[in-house]
Amino acid sequence: MPLLEVTRTRHINAYIRLLDTTATQLDQYAAFLHATADEVIEQALAYIFSKDRDFQEFLKSSEAQTVTPTLRTRKPSPNDSPEQSPRKPASRAANGSTSVDSVAGTRS
């Protein structure tokens, strides 16, 4: 019997638009937690989804199974690995906007 159980997760890159102030607070919250922005988004959404009773009821409906996706995603190719695609640091443009790299979220 193995001493460790390794669970593989599949990540999908999802590109979202955030207000500049929200992106700044996300980066600040991630720093506060010593985590990445992706991890904060993943955990925050999982928490909201699990706590919202109305949403849990909606998931049981047939309407939930026919939702048209609006999230822009890119599935990694089988050749992609975390070592091959290092995270880029967040950067701010001269106009104060946040680069796409700093607001990208993932879902498993």
PDB file of N, CA and C in Angstrom:
ATOM      1  N   MET A   1       0.850  -1.178   0.000  1.00  0.00           N
ATOM      2  CA  MET A   1       0.000   0.000   0.000  1.00  0.00           C
ATOM      3  C   MET A   1       0.896   1.242   0.000  1.00  0.00           C
ATOM      4  N   PRO A   2       0.647   2.190  -0.909  1.00  0.00           N
ATOM      5  CA  PRO A   2       1.499   3.382  -0.976  1.00  0.00           C
ATOM      6  C   PRO A   2       1.306   4.275   0.247  1.00  0.00           C
ATOM      7  N   LEU A   3       2.359   4.976   0.612  1.00  0.00           N
ATOM      8  CA  LEU A   3       2.300   5.900   1.741  1.00  0.00           C
ATOM      9  C   LEU A   3       1.656   7.227   1.353  1.00  0.00           C
ATOM     10  N   LEU A   4       1.709   7.561   0.080  1.00  0.00           N
ATOM     11  CA  LEU A   4       1.141   8.820  -0.408  1.00  0.00           C
ATOM     12  C   LEU A   4       0.057   8.557  -1.436  1.00  0.00           C
ATOM     13  N   GLU A   5      -0.926   9.403  -1.443  1.00  0.00           N
ATOM     14  CA  GLU A   5      -1.939   9.373  -2.490  1.00  0.00           C
ATOM     15  C   GLU A   5      -1.834  10.679  -3.260  1.00  0.00           C
ATOM     16  N   VAL A   6      -1.497  10.592  -4.526  1.00  0.00           N
ATOM     17  CA  VAL A   6      -1.324  11.775  -5.349  1.00  0.00           C
ATOM     18  C   VAL A   6      -2.586  11.986  -6.174  1.00  0.00           C
ATOM     19  N   THR A   7      -3.174  13.148  -6.025  1.00  0.00           N
ATOM     20  CA  THR A   7      -4.378  13.488  -6.770  1.00  0.00           C
ATOM     21  C   THR A   7      -4.002  14.453  -7.883  1.00  0.00           C
ATOM     22  N   ARG A   8      -4.295  14.078  -9.092  1.00  0.00           N
ATOM     23  CA  ARG A   8      -4.018  14.953 -10.229  1.00  0.00           C
ATOM     24  C   ARG A   8      -5.232  15.840 -10.472  1.00  0.00           C
ATOM     25  N   THR A   9      -4.969  17.106 -10.668  1.00  0.00           N
ATOM     26  CA  THR A   9      -6.042  18.036 -10.989  1.00  0.00           C
ATOM     27  C   THR A   9      -5.815  18.583 -12.381  1.00  0.00           C
ATOM     28  N   ARG A  10      -6.887  18.883 -13.034  1.00  0.00           N
ATOM     29  CA  ARG A  10      -6.829  19.445 -14.383  1.00  0.00           C
ATOM     30  C   ARG A  10      -7.204  20.912 -14.281  1.00  0.00           C
ATOM     31  N   HIS A  11      -6.319  21.771 -14.761  1.00  0.00           N
ATOM     32  CA  HIS A  11      -6.576  23.204 -14.725  1.00  0.00           C
ATOM     33  C   HIS A  11      -6.951  23.704 -16.113  1.00  0.00           C
ATOM     34  N   ILE A  12      -7.819  24.673 -16.124  1.00  0.00           N
ATOM     35  CA  ILE A  12      -8.212  25.369 -17.350  1.00  0.00           C
ATOM     36  C   ILE A  12      -7.920  26.840 -17.127  1.00  0.00           C
ATOM     37  N   ASN A  13      -7.232  27.471 -18.057  1.00  0.00           N
ATOM     38  CA  ASN A  13      -6.994  28.902 -17.942  1.00  0.00           C
ATOM     39  C   ASN A  13      -8.268  29.641 -18.312  1.00  0.00           C
ATOM     40  N   ALA A  14      -8.675  30.564 -17.460  1.00  0.00           N
ATOM     41  CA  ALA A  14      -9.872  31.363 -17.697  1.00  0.00           C
ATOM     42  C   ALA A  14      -9.483  32.829 -17.611  1.00  0.00           C
ATOM     43  N   TYR A  15      -9.829  33.576 -18.604  1.00  0.00           N
ATOM     44  CA  TYR A  15      -9.477  34.984 -18.652  1.00  0.00           C
ATOM     45  C   TYR A  15     -10.682  35.826 -18.270  1.00  0.00           C
ATOM     46  N   ILE A  16     -10.493  36.663 -17.255  1.00  0.00           N
ATOM     47  CA  ILE A  16     -11.582  37.481 -16.743  1.00  0.00           C
ATOM     48  C   ILE A  16     -11.175  38.942 -16.750  1.00  0.00           C
ATOM     49  N   ARG A  17     -12.176  39.806 -16.791  1.00  0.00           N
ATOM     50  CA  ARG A  17     -11.931  41.244 -16.681  1.00  0.00           C
ATOM     51  C   ARG A  17     -12.355  41.671 -15.295  1.00  0.00           C
ATOM     52  N   LEU A  18     -11.503  42.459 -14.656  1.00  0.00           N
ATOM     53  CA  LEU A  18     -11.786  42.977 -13.328  1.00  0.00           C
ATOM     54  C   LEU A  18     -11.596  44.483 -13.327  1.00  0.00           C
ATOM     55  N   LEU A  19     -12.297  45.143 -12.426  1.00  0.00           N
ATOM     56  CA  LEU A  19     -12.017  46.550 -12.208  1.00  0.00           C
ATOM     57  C   LEU A  19     -10.597  46.665 -11.674  1.00  0.00           C
ATOM     58  N   ASP A  20      -9.941  47.758 -11.968  1.00  0.00           N
ATOM     59  CA  ASP A  20      -8.571  47.967 -11.516  1.00  0.00           C
ATOM     60  C   ASP A  20      -8.474  47.845  -9.998  1.00  0.00           C
ATOM     61  N   THR A  21      -9.446  48.407  -9.293  1.00  0.00           N
ATOM     62  CA  THR A  21      -9.424  48.354  -7.824  1.00  0.00           C
ATOM     63  C   THR A  21      -9.584  46.925  -7.322  1.00  0.00           C
ATOM     64  N   THR A  22     -10.404  46.131  -7.999  1.00  0.00           N
ATOM     65  CA  THR A  22     -10.594  44.736  -7.609  1.00  0.00           C
ATOM     66  C   THR A  22      -9.310  43.938  -7.856  1.00  0.00           C
ATOM     67  N   ALA A  23      -8.661  44.177  -8.990  1.00  0.00           N
ATOM     68  CA  ALA A  23      -7.414  43.478  -9.300  1.00  0.00           C
ATOM     69  C   ALA A  23      -6.336  43.830  -8.275  1.00  0.00           C
ATOM     70  N   THR A  24      -6.288  45.079  -7.873  1.00  0.00           N
ATOM     71  CA  THR A  24      -5.315  45.508  -6.867  1.00  0.00           C
ATOM     72  C   THR A  24      -5.593  44.816  -5.539  1.00  0.00           C
ATOM     73  N   GLN A  25      -6.860  44.793  -5.129  1.00  0.00           N
ATOM     74  CA  GLN A  25      -7.209  44.130  -3.867  1.00  0.00           C
ATOM     75  C   GLN A  25      -6.962  42.627  -3.935  1.00  0.00           C
ATOM     76  N   LEU A  26      -7.187  42.028  -5.090  1.00  0.00           N
ATOM     77  CA  LEU A  26      -6.914  40.607  -5.264  1.00  0.00           C
ATOM     78  C   LEU A  26      -5.431  40.338  -5.052  1.00  0.00           C
ATOM     79  N   ASP A  27      -4.578  41.133  -5.669  1.00  0.00           N
ATOM     80  CA  ASP A  27      -3.141  40.980  -5.479  1.00  0.00           C
ATOM     81  C   ASP A  27      -2.750  41.202  -4.016  1.00  0.00           C
ATOM     82  N   GLN A  28      -3.365  42.181  -3.377  1.00  0.00           N
ATOM     83  CA  GLN A  28      -3.067  42.463  -1.973  1.00  0.00           C
ATOM     84  C   GLN A  28      -3.522  41.321  -1.071  1.00  0.00           C
ATOM     85  N   TYR A  29      -4.705  40.768  -1.352  1.00  0.00           N
ATOM     86  CA  TYR A  29      -5.223  39.662  -0.543  1.00  0.00           C
ATOM     87  C   TYR A  29      -4.354  38.425  -0.725  1.00  0.00           C
ATOM     88  N   ALA A  30      -3.925  38.183  -1.958  1.00  0.00           N
ATOM     89  CA  ALA A  30      -3.042  37.050  -2.220  1.00  0.00           C
ATOM     90  C   ALA A  30      -1.727  37.210  -1.451  1.00  0.00           C
ATOM     91  N   ALA A  31      -1.179  38.415  -1.444  1.00  0.00           N
ATOM     92  CA  ALA A  31       0.057  38.666  -0.695  1.00  0.00           C
ATOM     93  C   ALA A  31      -0.184  38.458   0.802  1.00  0.00           C
ATOM     94  N   PHE A  32      -1.317  38.921   1.286  1.00  0.00           N
ATOM     95  CA  PHE A  32      -1.696  38.758   2.690  1.00  0.00           C
ATOM     96  C   PHE A  32      -1.730  37.282   3.076  1.00  0.00           C
ATOM     97  N   LEU A  33      -2.231  36.438   2.179  1.00  0.00           N
ATOM     98  CA  LEU A  33      -2.339  35.000   2.433  1.00  0.00           C
ATOM     99  C   LEU A  33      -1.079  34.219   2.049  1.00  0.00           C
ATOM    100  N   HIS A  34      -0.106  34.898   1.429  1.00  0.00           N
ATOM    101  CA  HIS A  34       1.083  34.236   0.890  1.00  0.00           C
ATOM    102  C   HIS A  34       0.654  33.178  -0.130  1.00  0.00           C
ATOM    103  N   ALA A  35      -0.235  33.589  -1.014  1.00  0.00           N
ATOM    104  CA  ALA A  35      -0.786  32.705  -2.041  1.00  0.00           C
ATOM    105  C   ALA A  35      -0.741  33.435  -3.381  1.00  0.00           C
ATOM    106  N   THR A  36      -1.192  32.759  -4.421  1.00  0.00           N
ATOM    107  CA  THR A  36      -1.296  33.406  -5.728  1.00  0.00           C
ATOM    108  C   THR A  36      -2.721  33.915  -5.920  1.00  0.00           C
ATOM    109  N   ALA A  37      -2.872  34.830  -6.856  1.00  0.00           N
ATOM    110  CA  ALA A  37      -4.202  35.338  -7.178  1.00  0.00           C
ATOM    111  C   ALA A  37      -5.097  34.204  -7.665  1.00  0.00           C
ATOM    112  N   ASP A  38      -4.534  33.279  -8.424  1.00  0.00           N
ATOM    113  CA  ASP A  38      -5.300  32.134  -8.910  1.00  0.00           C
ATOM    114  C   ASP A  38      -5.862  31.317  -7.750  1.00  0.00           C
ATOM    115  N   GLU A  39      -5.042  31.089  -6.729  1.00  0.00           N
ATOM    116  CA  GLU A  39      -5.486  30.306  -5.576  1.00  0.00           C
ATOM    117  C   GLU A  39      -6.587  31.032  -4.805  1.00  0.00           C
ATOM    118  N   VAL A  40      -6.466  32.352  -4.685  1.00  0.00           N
ATOM    119  CA  VAL A  40      -7.491  33.133  -3.989  1.00  0.00           C
ATOM    120  C   VAL A  40      -8.814  33.040  -4.740  1.00  0.00           C
ATOM    121  N   ILE A  41      -8.781  33.213  -6.045  1.00  0.00           N
ATOM    122  CA  ILE A  41     -10.003  33.147  -6.851  1.00  0.00           C
ATOM    123  C   ILE A  41     -10.630  31.760  -6.746  1.00  0.00           C
ATOM    124  N   GLU A  42      -9.816  30.721  -6.883  1.00  0.00           N
ATOM    125  CA  GLU A  42     -10.318  29.341  -6.800  1.00  0.00           C
ATOM    126  C   GLU A  42     -11.012  29.083  -5.467  1.00  0.00           C
ATOM    127  N   GLN A  43     -10.352  29.443  -4.373  1.00  0.00           N
ATOM    128  CA  GLN A  43     -10.899  29.191  -3.048  1.00  0.00           C
ATOM    129  C   GLN A  43     -12.122  30.067  -2.763  1.00  0.00           C
ATOM    130  N   ALA A  44     -12.095  31.319  -3.190  1.00  0.00           N
ATOM    131  CA  ALA A  44     -13.231  32.217  -2.954  1.00  0.00           C
ATOM    132  C   ALA A  44     -14.474  31.729  -3.688  1.00  0.00           C
ATOM    133  N   LEU A  45     -14.309  31.316  -4.933  1.00  0.00           N
ATOM    134  CA  LEU A  45     -15.458  30.817  -5.692  1.00  0.00           C
ATOM    135  C   LEU A  45     -15.979  29.503  -5.117  1.00  0.00           C
ATOM    136  N   ALA A  46     -15.071  28.602  -4.741  1.00  0.00           N
ATOM    137  CA  ALA A  46     -15.501  27.340  -4.139  1.00  0.00           C
ATOM    138  C   ALA A  46     -16.296  27.606  -2.862  1.00  0.00           C
ATOM    139  N   TYR A  47     -15.851  28.577  -2.072  1.00  0.00           N
ATOM    140  CA  TYR A  47     -16.543  28.926  -0.829  1.00  0.00           C
ATOM    141  C   TYR A  47     -17.946  29.465  -1.123  1.00  0.00           C
ATOM    142  N   ILE A  48     -18.034  30.395  -2.066  1.00  0.00           N
ATOM    143  CA  ILE A  48     -19.335  30.987  -2.413  1.00  0.00           C
ATOM    144  C   ILE A  48     -20.283  29.920  -2.963  1.00  0.00           C
ATOM    145  N   PHE A  49     -19.784  29.091  -3.880  1.00  0.00           N
ATOM    146  CA  PHE A  49     -20.629  28.056  -4.469  1.00  0.00           C
ATOM    147  C   PHE A  49     -21.164  27.102  -3.408  1.00  0.00           C
ATOM    148  N   SER A  50     -20.339  26.750  -2.434  1.00  0.00           N
ATOM    149  CA  SER A  50     -20.771  25.791  -1.420  1.00  0.00           C
ATOM    150  C   SER A  50     -21.723  26.405  -0.399  1.00  0.00           C
ATOM    151  N   LYS A  51     -21.654  27.699  -0.163  1.00  0.00           N
ATOM    152  CA  LYS A  51     -22.462  28.354   0.864  1.00  0.00           C
ATOM    153  C   LYS A  51     -23.793  28.911   0.352  1.00  0.00           C
ATOM    154  N   ASP A  52     -23.918  29.102  -0.943  1.00  0.00           N
ATOM    155  CA  ASP A  52     -25.132  29.706  -1.508  1.00  0.00           C
ATOM    156  C   ASP A  52     -26.206  28.628  -1.691  1.00  0.00           C
ATOM    157  N   ARG A  53     -27.191  28.618  -0.804  1.00  0.00           N
ATOM    158  CA  ARG A  53     -28.234  27.580  -0.842  1.00  0.00           C
ATOM    159  C   ARG A  53     -29.089  27.663  -2.098  1.00  0.00           C
ATOM    160  N   ASP A  54     -29.398  28.875  -2.534  1.00  0.00           N
ATOM    161  CA  ASP A  54     -30.189  29.020  -3.760  1.00  0.00           C
ATOM    162  C   ASP A  54     -29.432  28.465  -4.961  1.00  0.00           C
ATOM    163  N   PHE A  55     -28.125  28.695  -5.008  1.00  0.00           N
ATOM    164  CA  PHE A  55     -27.319  28.165  -6.098  1.00  0.00           C
ATOM    165  C   PHE A  55     -27.292  26.639  -6.047  1.00  0.00           C
ATOM    166  N   GLN A  56     -27.197  26.065  -4.858  1.00  0.00           N
ATOM    167  CA  GLN A  56     -27.201  24.610  -4.725  1.00  0.00           C
ATOM    168  C   GLN A  56     -28.510  24.021  -5.258  1.00  0.00           C
ATOM    169  N   GLU A  57     -29.607  24.690  -5.011  1.00  0.00           N
ATOM    170  CA  GLU A  57     -30.904  24.245  -5.552  1.00  0.00           C
ATOM    171  C   GLU A  57     -30.930  24.390  -7.071  1.00  0.00           C
ATOM    172  N   PHE A  58     -30.381  25.495  -7.571  1.00  0.00           N
ATOM    173  CA  PHE A  58     -30.321  25.718  -9.019  1.00  0.00           C
ATOM    174  C   PHE A  58     -29.546  24.596  -9.703  1.00  0.00           C
ATOM    175  N   LEU A  59     -28.446  24.144  -9.083  1.00  0.00           N
ATOM    176  CA  LEU A  59     -27.637  23.079  -9.672  1.00  0.00           C
ATOM    177  C   LEU A  59     -28.422  21.787  -9.868  1.00  0.00           C
ATOM    178  N   LYS A  60     -29.462  21.587  -9.096  1.00  0.00           N
ATOM    179  CA  LYS A  60     -30.296  20.387  -9.212  1.00  0.00           C
ATOM    180  C   LYS A  60     -31.320  20.492 -10.342  1.00  0.00           C
ATOM    181  N   SER A  61     -31.480  21.684 -10.894  1.00  0.00           N
ATOM    182  CA  SER A  61     -32.490  21.897 -11.937  1.00  0.00           C
ATOM    183  C   SER A  61     -31.950  21.515 -13.311  1.00  0.00           C
ATOM    184  N   SER A  62     -32.860  21.297 -14.229  1.00  0.00           N
ATOM    185  CA  SER A  62     -32.454  20.994 -15.604  1.00  0.00           C
ATOM    186  C   SER A  62     -31.855  22.228 -16.279  1.00  0.00           C
ATOM    187  N   GLU A  63     -32.250  23.412 -15.836  1.00  0.00           N
ATOM    188  CA  GLU A  63     -31.704  24.651 -16.410  1.00  0.00           C
ATOM    189  C   GLU A  63     -30.191  24.741 -16.196  1.00  0.00           C
ATOM    190  N   ALA A  64     -29.709  24.256 -15.070  1.00  0.00           N
ATOM    191  CA  ALA A  64     -28.276  24.311 -14.773  1.00  0.00           C
ATOM    192  C   ALA A  64     -27.463  23.470 -15.750  1.00  0.00           C
ATOM    193  N   GLN A  65     -28.081  22.437 -16.297  1.00  0.00           N
ATOM    194  CA  GLN A  65     -27.371  21.557 -17.221  1.00  0.00           C
ATOM    195  C   GLN A  65     -27.296  22.118 -18.637  1.00  0.00           C
ATOM    196  N   THR A  66     -28.055  23.176 -18.921  1.00  0.00           N
ATOM    197  CA  THR A  66     -28.096  23.734 -20.278  1.00  0.00           C
ATOM    198  C   THR A  66     -27.592  25.167 -20.332  1.00  0.00           C
ATOM    199  N   VAL A  67     -26.777  25.565 -19.383  1.00  0.00           N
ATOM    200  CA  VAL A  67     -26.242  26.927 -19.341  1.00  0.00           C
ATOM    201  C   VAL A  67     -25.257  27.120 -20.482  1.00  0.00           C
ATOM    202  N   THR A  68     -25.375  28.241 -21.178  1.00  0.00           N
ATOM    203  CA  THR A  68     -24.439  28.584 -22.240  1.00  0.00           C
ATOM    204  C   THR A  68     -23.178  29.183 -21.607  1.00  0.00           C
ATOM    205  N   PRO A  69     -22.011  28.585 -21.849  1.00  0.00           N
ATOM    206  CA  PRO A  69     -20.777  29.100 -21.239  1.00  0.00           C
ATOM    207  C   PRO A  69     -20.458  30.520 -21.712  1.00  0.00           C
ATOM    208  N   THR A  70     -20.095  31.365 -20.781  1.00  0.00           N
ATOM    209  CA  THR A  70     -19.664  32.726 -21.115  1.00  0.00           C
ATOM    210  C   THR A  70     -18.226  32.983 -20.689  1.00  0.00           C
ATOM    211  N   LEU A  71     -17.637  32.069 -19.944  1.00  0.00           N
ATOM    212  CA  LEU A  71     -16.267  32.219 -19.482  1.00  0.00           C
ATOM    213  C   LEU A  71     -15.313  31.879 -20.616  1.00  0.00           C
ATOM    214  N   ARG A  72     -14.374  32.786 -20.860  1.00  0.00           N
ATOM    215  CA  ARG A  72     -13.376  32.552 -21.911  1.00  0.00           C
ATOM    216  C   ARG A  72     -12.282  31.668 -21.334  1.00  0.00           C
ATOM    217  N   THR A  73     -12.136  30.478 -21.911  1.00  0.00           N
ATOM    218  CA  THR A  73     -11.172  29.517 -21.378  1.00  0.00           C
ATOM    219  C   THR A  73     -10.226  29.034 -22.453  1.00  0.00           C
ATOM    220  N   ARG A  74      -9.099  28.518 -21.996  1.00  0.00           N
ATOM    221  CA  ARG A  74      -8.138  27.851 -22.871  1.00  0.00           C
ATOM    222  C   ARG A  74      -7.668  26.611 -22.133  1.00  0.00           C
ATOM    223  N   LYS A  75      -7.976  25.465 -22.695  1.00  0.00           N
ATOM    224  CA  LYS A  75      -7.551  24.214 -22.075  1.00  0.00           C
ATOM    225  C   LYS A  75      -6.094  23.970 -22.464  1.00  0.00           C
ATOM    226  N   PRO A  76      -5.253  23.576 -21.494  1.00  0.00           N
ATOM    227  CA  PRO A  76      -3.859  23.307 -21.819  1.00  0.00           C
ATOM    228  C   PRO A  76      -3.733  22.082 -22.708  1.00  0.00           C
ATOM    229  N   SER A  77      -2.735  22.102 -23.566  1.00  0.00           N
ATOM    230  CA  SER A  77      -2.499  20.938 -24.414  1.00  0.00           C
ATOM    231  C   SER A  77      -1.882  19.839 -23.562  1.00  0.00           C
ATOM    232  N   PRO A  78      -1.950  18.592 -24.006  1.00  0.00           N
ATOM    233  CA  PRO A  78      -1.382  17.491 -23.219  1.00  0.00           C
ATOM    234  C   PRO A  78       0.114  17.662 -22.953  1.00  0.00           C
ATOM    235  N   ASN A  79       0.800  18.436 -23.814  1.00  0.00           N
ATOM    236  CA  ASN A  79       2.236  18.633 -23.650  1.00  0.00           C
ATOM    237  C   ASN A  79       2.573  19.715 -22.634  1.00  0.00           C
ATOM    238  N   ASP A  80       1.589  20.532 -22.224  1.00  0.00           N
ATOM    239  CA  ASP A  80       1.830  21.593 -21.257  1.00  0.00           C
ATOM    240  C   ASP A  80       2.043  20.996 -19.874  1.00  0.00           C
ATOM    241  N   SER A  81       2.971  21.578 -19.146  1.00  0.00           N
ATOM    242  CA  SER A  81       3.174  21.206 -17.751  1.00  0.00           C
ATOM    243  C   SER A  81       3.465  22.467 -16.980  1.00  0.00           C
ATOM    244  N   PRO A  82       3.260  22.465 -15.671  1.00  0.00           N
ATOM    245  CA  PRO A  82       3.527  23.671 -14.888  1.00  0.00           C
ATOM    246  C   PRO A  82       4.952  24.182 -15.055  1.00  0.00           C
ATOM    247  N   GLU A  83       5.913  23.271 -15.265  1.00  0.00           N
ATOM    248  CA  GLU A  83       7.297  23.686 -15.425  1.00  0.00           C
ATOM    249  C   GLU A  83       7.519  24.406 -16.748  1.00  0.00           C
ATOM    250  N   GLN A  84       6.717  24.086 -17.766  1.00  0.00           N
ATOM    251  CA  GLN A  84       6.899  24.691 -19.076  1.00  0.00           C
ATOM    252  C   GLN A  84       6.235  26.045 -19.195  1.00  0.00           C
ATOM    253  N   SER A  85       5.288  26.363 -18.330  1.00  0.00           N
ATOM    254  CA  SER A  85       4.588  27.635 -18.431  1.00  0.00           C
ATOM    255  C   SER A  85       4.677  28.378 -17.101  1.00  0.00           C
ATOM    256  N   PRO A  86       5.824  29.026 -16.854  1.00  0.00           N
ATOM    257  CA  PRO A  86       5.977  29.734 -15.586  1.00  0.00           C
ATOM    258  C   PRO A  86       5.028  30.908 -15.490  1.00  0.00           C
ATOM    259  N   ARG A  87       4.643  31.229 -14.253  1.00  0.00           N
ATOM    260  CA  ARG A  87       3.759  32.374 -14.036  1.00  0.00           C
ATOM    261  C   ARG A  87       4.518  33.656 -14.261  1.00  0.00           C
ATOM    262  N   LYS A  88       3.848  34.593 -14.890  1.00  0.00           N
ATOM    263  CA  LYS A  88       4.440  35.909 -15.082  1.00  0.00           C
ATOM    264  C   LYS A  88       3.981  36.814 -13.949  1.00  0.00           C
ATOM    265  N   PRO A  89       4.852  37.708 -13.492  1.00  0.00           N
ATOM    266  CA  PRO A  89       4.433  38.621 -12.436  1.00  0.00           C
ATOM    267  C   PRO A  89       3.420  39.622 -12.956  1.00  0.00           C
ATOM    268  N   ALA A  90       2.590  40.119 -12.054  1.00  0.00           N
ATOM    269  CA  ALA A  90       1.601  41.119 -12.426  1.00  0.00           C
ATOM    270  C   ALA A  90       2.313  42.385 -12.876  1.00  0.00           C
ATOM    271  N   SER A  91       1.763  43.034 -13.869  1.00  0.00           N
ATOM    272  CA  SER A  91       2.338  44.294 -14.315  1.00  0.00           C
ATOM    273  C   SER A  91       1.221  45.288 -14.549  1.00  0.00           C
ATOM    274  N   ARG A  92       1.534  46.521 -14.386  1.00  0.00           N
ATOM    275  CA  ARG A  92       0.565  47.591 -14.576  1.00  0.00           C
ATOM    276  C   ARG A  92       0.988  48.435 -15.760  1.00  0.00           C
ATOM    277  N   ALA A  93       0.038  48.744 -16.613  1.00  0.00           N
ATOM    278  CA  ALA A  93       0.304  49.618 -17.743  1.00  0.00           C
ATOM    279  C   ALA A  93       0.325  51.061 -17.261  1.00  0.00           C
ATOM    280  N   ALA A  94       0.786  51.957 -18.116  1.00  0.00           N
ATOM    281  CA  ALA A  94       0.871  53.367 -17.746  1.00  0.00           C
ATOM    282  C   ALA A  94      -0.494  53.936 -17.372  1.00  0.00           C
ATOM    283  N   ASN A  95      -1.566  53.408 -17.967  1.00  0.00           N
ATOM    284  CA  ASN A  95      -2.900  53.921 -17.665  1.00  0.00           C
ATOM    285  C   ASN A  95      -3.494  53.308 -16.402  1.00  0.00           C
ATOM    286  N   GLY A  96      -2.731  52.454 -15.714  1.00  0.00           N
ATOM    287  CA  GLY A  96      -3.196  51.873 -14.463  1.00  0.00           C
ATOM    288  C   GLY A  96      -3.936  50.563 -14.630  1.00  0.00           C
ATOM    289  N   SER A  97      -4.088  50.079 -15.856  1.00  0.00           N
ATOM    290  CA  SER A  97      -4.808  48.828 -16.048  1.00  0.00           C
ATOM    291  C   SER A  97      -3.892  47.655 -15.717  1.00  0.00           C
ATOM    292  N   THR A  98      -4.484  46.540 -15.384  1.00  0.00           N
ATOM    293  CA  THR A  98      -3.740  45.357 -15.022  1.00  0.00           C
ATOM    294  C   THR A  98      -3.612  44.468 -16.249  1.00  0.00           C
ATOM    295  N   SER A  99      -2.456  43.865 -16.412  1.00  0.00           N
ATOM    296  CA  SER A  99      -2.255  42.980 -17.550  1.00  0.00           C
ATOM    297  C   SER A  99      -3.128  41.745 -17.394  1.00  0.00           C
ATOM    298  N   VAL A 100      -3.399  41.060 -18.500  1.00  0.00           N
ATOM    299  CA  VAL A 100      -4.225  39.855 -18.480  1.00  0.00           C
ATOM    300  C   VAL A 100      -3.592  38.801 -17.607  1.00  0.00           C
ATOM    301  N   ASP A 101      -2.251  38.708 -17.580  1.00  0.00           N
ATOM    302  CA  ASP A 101      -1.575  37.681 -16.795  1.00  0.00           C
ATOM    303  C   ASP A 101      -1.922  37.782 -15.321  1.00  0.00           C
ATOM    304  N   SER A 102      -2.123  39.000 -14.808  1.00  0.00           N
ATOM    305  CA  SER A 102      -2.356  39.132 -13.375  1.00  0.00           C
ATOM    306  C   SER A 102      -3.811  38.904 -12.996  1.00  0.00           C
ATOM    307  N   VAL A 103      -4.711  38.821 -13.953  1.00  0.00           N
ATOM    308  CA  VAL A 103      -6.113  38.586 -13.626  1.00  0.00           C
ATOM    309  C   VAL A 103      -6.603  37.253 -14.177  1.00  0.00           C
ATOM    310  N   ALA A 104      -5.686  36.422 -14.651  1.00  0.00           N
ATOM    311  CA  ALA A 104      -6.093  35.118 -15.135  1.00  0.00           C
ATOM    312  C   ALA A 104      -6.419  34.235 -13.946  1.00  0.00           C
ATOM    313  N   GLY A 105      -7.503  33.490 -14.036  1.00  0.00           N
ATOM    314  CA  GLY A 105      -7.892  32.567 -12.984  1.00  0.00           C
ATOM    315  C   GLY A 105      -7.925  31.176 -13.536  1.00  0.00           C
ATOM    316  N   THR A 106      -7.890  30.222 -12.663  1.00  0.00           N
ATOM    317  CA  THR A 106      -7.986  28.840 -13.121  1.00  0.00           C
ATOM    318  C   THR A 106      -9.089  28.135 -12.385  1.00  0.00           C
ATOM    319  N   ARG A 107      -9.586  27.099 -12.991  1.00  0.00           N
ATOM    320  CA  ARG A 107     -10.556  26.261 -12.305  1.00  0.00           C
ATOM    321  C   ARG A 107     -10.161  24.822 -12.545  1.00  0.00           C
ATOM    322  N   SER A 108     -10.457  24.010 -11.603  1.00  0.00           N
ATOM    323  CA  SER A 108     -10.090  22.601 -11.698  1.00  0.00           C
ATOM    324  C   SER A 108     -11.284  21.786 -12.091  1.00  0.00           C
TER     325      SER A 108
END
